[in-house]
Each structure stands twice: as C-alpha cells, then as structure tokens.
Amino acid sequence: MPVPLRPAVLAALVAACACAQAAGAERGRQLLAQYQCGSCHGIPGVASAGGGVASSLEGFGRRSYIAGRLPNRADVLARWIEQPKALVPDTAMPAMGVSPADARDMAAYLLELK
C-alpha cells in the first residue's frame, strides 16, 4: 500500500521541481545565445538576440501555435527546435544541431516568455 506523503515532504518536492525547471530555463536562455538564435529572432532576455529576419519570440509562452501550425507545447517545441524540417518541411528555420537536452531547456525558457 502506498504511503501518503506528508505536506512538508510534498512541498519540498514541488519546490525542488520548480527549482530544477528554473535552472533548465536559465540554461535555455544561455543556449539561445550560444546557438545564435538571435541572428534571426528577437528574444527578450538574450542580449545578442536582435535579429529581425524571423518573428520576435516576445510573449512566446502565450502563443497557441508554433510556426502557425503546431500546438505550442513543451514537447512539440523542443522537437521543433531540434528538427524543424521534420515537423514542417517547407519551413525557413534551419536545423542548428541542437541536442534533445538543449532543445528541452531552450523550450523551457521560451515558454516562460509571457
């Protein structure tokens, strides 16, 4: 029979999870600069991201769709960042060699942009 978690233990687990998510999002912000996403996109919080070739990613977490076609969910966004042409073959967004782990962190940051 499962043992119920005490409120203090549950609160500690939730706090640890939130802390890990925040760390992933911060890493994602740094990775957006490293992969030079700002060459095309304007990205709030990324100093080198002033590109005007593609859409600004300001408020990205409020959007319903990625590239106007895909549901804006963390798993889909990570896959989009990793392999955009696998999801939308005619997209202008290039594959930048982003690893799955990096893509997850980058997606975490972008989804925080409200």
Protein backbone atom coordinates (compact mmCIF):
# COMPACT_ATOMS: atom_id res chain seq x y z
CA MET A 1 0.00 0.00 0.00
CA PRO A 2 1.42 3.45 -0.91
CA VAL A 3 2.46 5.65 1.95
CA PRO A 4 0.85 9.11 1.81
CA LEU A 5 3.27 12.00 1.56
CA ARG A 6 3.30 14.47 4.40
CA PRO A 7 2.57 18.07 3.39
CA ALA A 8 6.12 19.21 4.22
CA VAL A 9 7.65 16.46 2.07
CA LEU A 10 5.27 17.23 -0.78
CA ALA A 11 6.07 20.95 -0.54
CA ALA A 12 9.81 20.18 -0.65
CA LEU A 13 9.37 18.02 -3.74
CA VAL A 14 7.35 20.70 -5.50
CA ALA A 15 9.96 23.34 -4.62
CA ALA A 16 12.78 21.12 -5.89
CA CYS A 17 10.93 20.53 -9.15
CA ALA A 18 10.29 24.26 -9.60
CA CYS A 19 13.96 24.98 -8.89
CA ALA A 20 15.05 22.41 -11.50
CA GLN A 21 12.66 23.92 -14.06
CA ALA A 22 14.02 27.40 -13.39
CA ALA A 23 17.59 26.13 -13.81
CA GLY A 24 16.63 24.50 -17.12
CA ALA A 25 15.00 27.70 -18.33
CA GLU A 26 18.07 29.76 -17.37
CA ARG A 27 20.28 27.29 -19.21
CA GLY A 28 17.87 27.57 -22.15
CA ARG A 29 18.33 31.35 -22.23
CA GLN A 30 22.09 30.88 -22.41
CA LEU A 31 21.73 28.23 -25.11
CA LEU A 32 19.60 30.52 -27.26
CA ALA A 33 22.59 32.88 -27.32
CA GLN A 34 25.08 30.05 -27.86
CA TYR A 35 23.19 28.65 -30.85
CA GLN A 36 22.83 32.22 -32.18
CA CYS A 37 19.05 32.08 -32.46
CA GLY A 38 19.12 35.87 -32.17
CA SER A 39 20.67 36.10 -35.63
CA CYS A 40 17.12 35.76 -36.93
CA HIS A 41 14.84 36.22 -33.89
CA GLY A 42 14.45 38.96 -31.34
CA ILE A 43 14.40 37.19 -27.97
CA PRO A 44 13.73 39.05 -24.70
CA GLY A 45 16.44 38.42 -22.12
CA VAL A 46 19.04 37.38 -24.70
CA ALA A 47 21.37 40.32 -25.26
CA SER A 48 22.65 39.17 -28.64
CA ALA A 49 19.16 38.41 -29.98
CA GLY A 50 18.10 41.38 -32.03
CA GLY A 51 17.54 39.67 -35.35
CA GLY A 52 14.71 40.90 -37.50
CA VAL A 53 14.71 38.21 -40.19
CA ALA A 54 12.20 35.97 -38.38
CA SER A 55 9.44 36.79 -35.93
CA SER A 56 10.20 38.09 -32.47
CA LEU A 57 9.80 35.47 -29.77
CA GLU A 58 8.47 38.01 -27.26
CA GLY A 59 5.43 36.58 -25.47
CA PHE A 60 6.09 33.15 -26.98
CA GLY A 61 4.61 31.35 -23.97
CA ARG A 62 1.22 32.94 -24.70
CA ARG A 63 1.08 31.72 -28.28
CA SER A 64 -1.20 28.88 -29.26
CA TYR A 65 0.89 27.70 -32.20
CA ILE A 66 4.49 27.20 -33.25
CA ALA A 67 5.14 28.44 -36.79
CA GLY A 68 1.39 28.96 -37.12
CA ARG A 69 0.85 25.20 -37.45
CA LEU A 70 1.91 23.18 -34.43
CA PRO A 71 0.42 23.20 -30.93
CA ASN A 72 2.62 25.23 -28.59
CA ARG A 73 3.51 22.54 -26.05
CA ALA A 74 6.90 21.88 -24.46
CA ASP A 75 7.43 18.52 -26.16
CA VAL A 76 6.49 19.81 -29.62
CA LEU A 77 8.54 22.99 -29.19
CA ALA A 78 11.63 21.00 -28.16
CA ARG A 79 11.26 18.78 -31.23
CA TRP A 80 10.74 21.88 -33.40
CA ILE A 81 13.94 23.45 -32.08
CA GLU A 82 15.83 20.22 -32.64
CA GLN A 83 14.49 19.30 -36.11
CA PRO A 84 12.17 21.95 -37.56
CA LYS A 85 12.02 20.46 -41.07
CA ALA A 86 10.89 17.11 -39.66
CA LEU A 87 7.72 18.85 -38.49
CA VAL A 88 7.27 21.48 -41.21
CA PRO A 89 9.29 20.51 -44.30
CA ASP A 90 8.94 23.87 -46.03
CA THR A 91 10.00 26.00 -43.05
CA ALA A 92 12.80 28.51 -43.42
CA MET A 93 14.04 27.67 -39.91
CA PRO A 94 17.30 25.74 -40.18
CA ALA A 95 18.39 22.78 -38.09
CA MET A 96 21.16 24.12 -35.86
CA GLY A 97 22.44 20.82 -34.46
CA VAL A 98 20.61 21.29 -31.16
CA SER A 99 20.67 18.22 -28.90
CA PRO A 100 17.41 16.96 -27.36
CA ALA A 101 18.51 18.08 -23.86
CA ASP A 102 19.45 21.55 -25.11
CA ALA A 103 16.17 21.82 -27.02
CA ARG A 104 14.18 20.99 -23.87
CA ASP A 105 15.93 23.76 -21.94
CA MET A 106 15.52 26.25 -24.77
CA ALA A 107 11.82 25.39 -24.97
CA ALA A 108 11.51 25.87 -21.19
CA TYR A 109 12.87 29.40 -21.50
CA LEU A 110 10.71 30.33 -24.48
CA LEU A 111 7.56 29.04 -22.79
CA GLU A 112 8.28 31.30 -19.81
CA LEU A 113 8.10 34.37 -22.06
CA LYS A 114 4.63 35.64 -21.26
